[in-house]
C-alpha atoms as a PDB file:
ATOM      1  CA  MET A   1     112.906  75.020 108.463  1.00  0.00           C
ATOM      2  CA  ALA A   2     112.910  73.354 105.054  1.00  0.00           C
ATOM      3  CA  ASN A   3     115.367  70.637 104.138  1.00  0.00           C
ATOM      4  CA  THR A   4     118.526  72.212 102.732  1.00  0.00           C
ATOM      5  CA  GLY A   5     119.349  69.258 100.476  1.00  0.00           C
ATOM      6  CA  ASP A   6     121.080  66.970 102.974  1.00  0.00           C
ATOM      7  CA  SER A   7     121.532  63.474 101.641  1.00  0.00           C
ATOM      8  CA  GLY A   8     119.465  60.689 103.163  1.00  0.00           C
ATOM      9  CA  PHE A   9     122.659  58.621 103.462  1.00  0.00           C
ATOM     10  CA  PHE A  10     124.258  61.154 105.807  1.00  0.00           C
ATOM     11  CA  LEU A  11     121.035  61.590 107.768  1.00  0.00           C
ATOM     12  CA  GLY A  12     120.875  57.816 108.226  1.00  0.00           C
ATOM     13  CA  MET A  13     124.462  57.772 109.488  1.00  0.00           C
ATOM     14  CA  MET A  14     123.675  60.537 111.980  1.00  0.00           C
ATOM     15  CA  ALA A  15     120.530  58.736 113.173  1.00  0.00           C
ATOM     16  CA  ALA A  16     122.523  55.534 113.676  1.00  0.00           C
ATOM     17  CA  ARG A  17     125.163  57.443 115.644  1.00  0.00           C
ATOM     18  CA  ARG A  18     122.529  59.028 117.876  1.00  0.00           C
ATOM     19  CA  ALA A  19     120.928  55.618 118.485  1.00  0.00           C
ATOM     20  CA  ARG A  20     124.325  54.204 119.499  1.00  0.00           C
ATOM     21  CA  GLU A  21     124.843  57.149 121.845  1.00  0.00           C
ATOM     22  CA  ARG A  22     121.436  56.601 123.454  1.00  0.00           C
ATOM     23  CA  GLN A  23     122.193  52.916 124.010  1.00  0.00           C
ATOM     24  CA  GLY A  24     125.591  53.677 125.491  1.00  0.00           C
ATOM     25  CA  ASN A  25     124.474  56.461 127.819  1.00  0.00           C
ATOM     26  CA  THR A  26     125.221  55.998 131.483  1.00  0.00           C
ATOM     27  CA  PRO A  27     122.984  57.207 134.335  1.00  0.00           C
ATOM     28  CA  GLY A  28     125.450  60.072 134.865  1.00  0.00           C
ATOM     29  CA  GLY A  29     124.585  61.722 131.539  1.00  0.00           C
ATOM     30  CA  PRO A  30     125.381  61.530 127.854  1.00  0.00           C
ATOM     31  CA  GLN A  31     128.615  60.185 126.505  1.00  0.00           C
ATOM     32  CA  SER A  32     131.537  62.557 126.576  1.00  0.00           C
ATOM     33  CA  GLY A  33     132.609  61.764 123.016  1.00  0.00           C
ATOM     34  CA  GLY A  34     135.628  59.702 123.991  1.00  0.00           C
ATOM     35  CA  GLY A  35     136.494  56.670 121.963  1.00  0.00           C
ATOM     36  CA  SER A  36     138.804  53.795 121.424  1.00  0.00           C
ATOM     37  CA  LEU A  37     142.121  53.695 119.654  1.00  0.00           C
ATOM     38  CA  PHE A  38     140.392  51.843 116.801  1.00  0.00           C
ATOM     39  CA  SER A  39     138.098  54.853 116.295  1.00  0.00           C
ATOM     40  CA  MET A  40     141.041  57.244 116.083  1.00  0.00           C
ATOM     41  CA  PHE A  41     143.082  55.042 113.742  1.00  0.00           C
ATOM     42  CA  PRO A  42     142.814  56.185 110.081  1.00  0.00           C
ATOM     43  CA  LYS A  43     141.898  52.944 108.374  1.00  0.00           C
ATOM     44  CA  MET A  44     142.802  54.179 104.869  1.00  0.00           C
ATOM     45  CA  ILE A  45     146.444  53.704 105.791  1.00  0.00           C
ATOM     46  CA  VAL A  46     145.974  49.915 105.625  1.00  0.00           C
ATOM     47  CA  PRO A  47     145.542  49.696 101.799  1.00  0.00           C
ATOM     48  CA  ILE A  48     148.446  52.119 101.380  1.00  0.00           C
ATOM     49  CA  ILE A  49     150.705  49.973 103.566  1.00  0.00           C
ATOM     50  CA  ILE A  50     149.643  46.853 101.645  1.00  0.00           C
ATOM     51  CA  TYR A  51     150.448  48.645  98.371  1.00  0.00           C
ATOM     52  CA  ALA A  52     153.865  49.667  99.721  1.00  0.00           C
ATOM     53  CA  LEU A  53     154.654  46.106 100.802  1.00  0.00           C
ATOM     54  CA  VAL A  54     153.669  44.660  97.426  1.00  0.00           C
ATOM     55  CA  ALA A  55     155.493  47.417  95.501  1.00  0.00           C
ATOM     56  CA  PHE A  56     158.749  47.040  97.416  1.00  0.00           C
ATOM     57  CA  ILE A  57     158.737  43.243  97.716  1.00  0.00           C
ATOM     58  CA  ALA A  58     157.397  42.201  94.306  1.00  0.00           C
ATOM     59  CA  GLY A  59     157.701  45.431  92.299  1.00  0.00           C
ATOM     60  CA  THR A  60     154.986  47.504  90.668  1.00  0.00           C
ATOM     61  CA  GLY A  61     154.531  44.874  87.953  1.00  0.00           C
ATOM     62  CA  ALA A  62     152.888  42.664  90.559  1.00  0.00           C
ATOM     63  CA  MET A  63     149.918  45.053  90.620  1.00  0.00           C
ATOM     64  CA  SER A  64     149.028  44.051  87.060  1.00  0.00           C
ATOM     65  CA  SER A  65     149.516  40.316  87.540  1.00  0.00           C
ATOM     66  CA  VAL A  66     146.301  38.313  87.263  1.00  0.00           C
ATOM     67  CA  LEU A  67     145.413  36.478  90.469  1.00  0.00           C
ATOM     68  CA  PHE A  68     142.609  34.399  88.983  1.00  0.00           C
ATOM     69  CA  THR A  69     140.283  34.371  85.992  1.00  0.00           C
ATOM     70  CA  ILE A  70     136.514  34.068  86.061  1.00  0.00           C
ATOM     71  CA  PRO A  71     134.955  32.530  82.931  1.00  0.00           C
ATOM     72  CA  MET A  72     132.456  34.867  81.279  1.00  0.00           C
ATOM     73  CA  MET A  73     130.134  34.532  78.314  1.00  0.00           C
ATOM     74  CA  SER A  74     131.029  38.003  77.052  1.00  0.00           C
ATOM     75  CA  THR A  75     134.730  37.287  76.516  1.00  0.00           C
ATOM     76  CA  PRO A  76     136.437  34.024  75.602  1.00  0.00           C
ATOM     77  CA  ASP A  77     139.431  34.639  77.876  1.00  0.00           C
ATOM     78  CA  GLY A  78     137.317  35.405  80.937  1.00  0.00           C
ATOM     79  CA  TRP A  79     137.641  38.237  83.396  1.00  0.00           C
ATOM     80  CA  GLY A  80     140.995  38.433  85.139  1.00  0.00           C
ATOM     81  CA  LEU A  81     141.210  39.995  88.579  1.00  0.00           C
ATOM     82  CA  THR A  82     144.598  41.604  89.195  1.00  0.00           C
ATOM     83  CA  THR A  83     146.341  42.392  92.455  1.00  0.00           C
ATOM     84  CA  GLY A  84     145.723  46.105  91.865  1.00  0.00           C
ATOM     85  CA  ASP A  85     142.005  45.500  91.269  1.00  0.00           C
ATOM     86  CA  LEU A  86     141.720  43.523  94.481  1.00  0.00           C
ATOM     87  CA  LEU A  87     143.565  46.227  96.418  1.00  0.00           C
ATOM     88  CA  LEU A  88     141.223  48.901  95.047  1.00  0.00           C
ATOM     89  CA  VAL A  89     138.155  46.880  96.068  1.00  0.00           C
ATOM     90  CA  PHE A  90     139.655  46.511  99.545  1.00  0.00           C
ATOM     91  CA  GLY A  91     140.288  50.284  99.582  1.00  0.00           C
ATOM     92  CA  LEU A  92     136.630  50.941  98.734  1.00  0.00           C
ATOM     93  CA  ILE A  93     135.503  48.708 101.594  1.00  0.00           C
ATOM     94  CA  VAL A  94     137.819  50.537 103.999  1.00  0.00           C
ATOM     95  CA  LEU A  95     136.572  53.902 102.677  1.00  0.00           C
ATOM     96  CA  PHE A  96     132.991  52.819 103.385  1.00  0.00           C
ATOM     97  CA  ILE A  97     133.969  51.923 106.965  1.00  0.00           C
ATOM     98  CA  GLU A  98     135.573  55.358 107.338  1.00  0.00           C
ATOM     99  CA  PHE A  99     132.373  57.003 106.063  1.00  0.00           C
ATOM    100  CA  MET A 100     130.371  55.181 108.710  1.00  0.00           C
ATOM    101  CA  GLN A 101     132.680  56.440 111.450  1.00  0.00           C
ATOM    102  CA  SER A 102     132.791  60.041 110.247  1.00  0.00           C
ATOM    103  CA  SER A 103     129.383  60.974 111.676  1.00  0.00           C
ATOM    104  CA  GLY A 104     130.717  61.497 115.194  1.00  0.00           C
ATOM    105  CA  THR A 105     131.366  64.886 116.755  1.00  0.00           C
ATOM    106  CA  GLY A 106     133.616  63.910 119.662  1.00  0.00           C
ATOM    107  CA  SER A 107     137.316  64.497 120.109  1.00  0.00           C
ATOM    108  CA  THR A 108     138.094  60.999 118.805  1.00  0.00           C
ATOM    109  CA  THR A 109     136.485  61.867 115.473  1.00  0.00           C
ATOM    110  CA  ILE A 110     138.487  65.088 115.213  1.00  0.00           C
ATOM    111  CA  VAL A 111     141.728  63.184 115.878  1.00  0.00           C
ATOM    112  CA  ASN A 112     140.714  60.641 113.215  1.00  0.00           C
ATOM    113  CA  HIS A 113     140.179  63.441 110.680  1.00  0.00           C
ATOM    114  CA  ALA A 114     143.548  65.004 111.509  1.00  0.00           C
ATOM    115  CA  LEU A 115     145.343  61.664 111.150  1.00  0.00           C
ATOM    116  CA  SER A 116     143.472  60.996 107.894  1.00  0.00           C
ATOM    117  CA  MET A 117     144.750  64.335 106.591  1.00  0.00           C
ATOM    118  CA  ILE A 118     148.308  63.267 107.465  1.00  0.00           C
ATOM    119  CA  VAL A 119     147.757  59.958 105.621  1.00  0.00           C
ATOM    120  CA  PHE A 120     146.623  61.903 102.543  1.00  0.00           C
ATOM    121  CA  VAL A 121     149.648  64.223 102.653  1.00  0.00           C
ATOM    122  CA  ILE A 122     152.003  61.236 102.982  1.00  0.00           C
ATOM    123  CA  ALA A 123     150.247  59.446 100.094  1.00  0.00           C
ATOM    124  CA  LEU A 124     150.497  62.574  97.938  1.00  0.00           C
ATOM    125  CA  ALA A 125     154.214  62.920  98.709  1.00  0.00           C
ATOM    126  CA  LEU A 126     154.807  59.241  97.895  1.00  0.00           C
ATOM    127  CA  PHE A 127     152.925  59.577  94.612  1.00  0.00           C
ATOM    128  CA  LEU A 128     154.901  62.651  93.565  1.00  0.00           C
ATOM    129  CA  LEU A 129     158.360  61.687  94.824  1.00  0.00           C
ATOM    130  CA  VAL A 130     158.753  57.884  94.772  1.00  0.00           C
ATOM    131  CA  GLY A 131     158.730  56.100  91.417  1.00  0.00           C
ATOM    132  CA  ARG A 132     157.164  52.875  92.695  1.00  0.00           C
ATOM    133  CA  PHE A 133     154.118  54.840  93.842  1.00  0.00           C
ATOM    134  CA  ALA A 134     153.558  56.674  90.528  1.00  0.00           C
ATOM    135  CA  THR A 135     150.946  54.208  89.252  1.00  0.00           C
ATOM    136  CA  SER A 136     147.240  54.428  88.510  1.00  0.00           C
ATOM    137  CA  THR A 137     146.430  52.021  91.339  1.00  0.00           C
ATOM    138  CA  PHE A 138     148.194  54.157  93.928  1.00  0.00           C
ATOM    139  CA  PHE A 139     146.729  57.349  92.445  1.00  0.00           C
ATOM    140  CA  ILE A 140     143.216  55.952  92.958  1.00  0.00           C
ATOM    141  CA  LEU A 141     144.113  54.927  96.534  1.00  0.00           C
ATOM    142  CA  MET A 142     145.420  58.459  97.120  1.00  0.00           C
ATOM    143  CA  VAL A 143     142.176  59.955  95.780  1.00  0.00           C
ATOM    144  CA  MET A 144     140.273  57.661  98.176  1.00  0.00           C
ATOM    145  CA  THR A 145     142.256  59.148 101.078  1.00  0.00           C
ATOM    146  CA  LEU A 146     141.380  62.654  99.841  1.00  0.00           C
ATOM    147  CA  ILE A 147     137.688  61.712  99.642  1.00  0.00           C
ATOM    148  CA  ASP A 148     137.943  60.286 103.168  1.00  0.00           C
ATOM    149  CA  VAL A 149     139.346  63.584 104.463  1.00  0.00           C
ATOM    150  CA  MET A 150     136.812  65.782 102.667  1.00  0.00           C
ATOM    151  CA  ALA A 151     133.791  63.617 103.472  1.00  0.00           C
ATOM    152  CA  GLY A 152     134.876  63.258 107.090  1.00  0.00           C
ATOM    153  CA  PHE A 153     135.001  67.003 107.632  1.00  0.00           C
ATOM    154  CA  VAL A 154     131.740  67.643 105.748  1.00  0.00           C
ATOM    155  CA  VAL A 155     129.803  64.936 107.613  1.00  0.00           C
ATOM    156  CA  THR A 156     131.181  66.084 110.975  1.00  0.00           C
ATOM    157  CA  ILE A 157     130.229  69.700 110.255  1.00  0.00           C
ATOM    158  CA  VAL A 158     126.697  68.683 109.216  1.00  0.00           C
ATOM    159  CA  ALA A 159     126.336  66.482 112.317  1.00  0.00           C
ATOM    160  CA  SER A 160     127.619  69.270 114.567  1.00  0.00           C
ATOM    161  CA  ARG A 161     125.289  71.801 112.989  1.00  0.00           C
ATOM    162  CA  ARG A 162     122.297  69.507 113.536  1.00  0.00           C
ATOM    163  CA  ASP A 163     123.356  68.785 117.127  1.00  0.00           C
ATOM    164  CA  LEU A 164     123.621  72.527 117.793  1.00  0.00           C
ATOM    165  CA  ALA A 165     120.219  73.126 116.201  1.00  0.00           C
ATOM    166  CA  VAL A 166     118.677  70.433 118.410  1.00  0.00           C
ATOM    167  CA  GLY A 167     120.474  71.754 121.497  1.00  0.00           C
ATOM    168  CA  ASP A 168     119.347  75.311 120.719  1.00  0.00           C
ATOM    169  CA  GLY A 169     115.731  74.255 120.671  1.00  0.00           C
ATOM    170  CA  GLY A 170     115.632  74.045 116.875  1.00  0.00           C
ATOM    171  CA  ALA A 171     116.250  77.751 116.281  1.00  0.00           C
END
C-alpha cells in the first residue's frame, strides 16, 4: 500500500520504539507494554509547577525580569533573556521528551495520555480563573500541554494502526 503521508519523524520514533522492544524482549515473549512510573508521569506538569512557584513567590512581574544579557552586534543593548523566556525553552525541551515517549502502545502510554489531558484541563482552568496565570507565558505553556495531548493520541493511533497492519500480515 502506498504511503499515506506519514511524517518521517513519527516513523523514526516508531522504529526506535520497536528497536527498544526487541532489545528488551525476554525469552518468554514480547514485552507486555508495562512501564515505569517515570513513563506514566506527564512531564509537562513540571514547567507549569515551576511557573506557579515563580508566580506565587515572586509575582508575575518576575517572568519579565531579565536574567542576563548577551552582547549582540545587531542591538547596542544586547539580547536579554527573561525568566519567562527560559521557562518556555524548558517547556519546549520537556515537550520534545514527551513526543519521544508518545510512540508507545502499552497501557503505560495510555495512562500518560490520560494524565496529560488532566494537566491540560488544569492549566486551562488556571489560565481562565486565576489572575496570576493570565499571562502570555502561561498561555504558551498551556498550548504546549494541548499539543502534547493531541500529538500523543495521534502518534499512538498511528503506531497502533501500523502494529495491527504488521500483525495482520500487512493486509
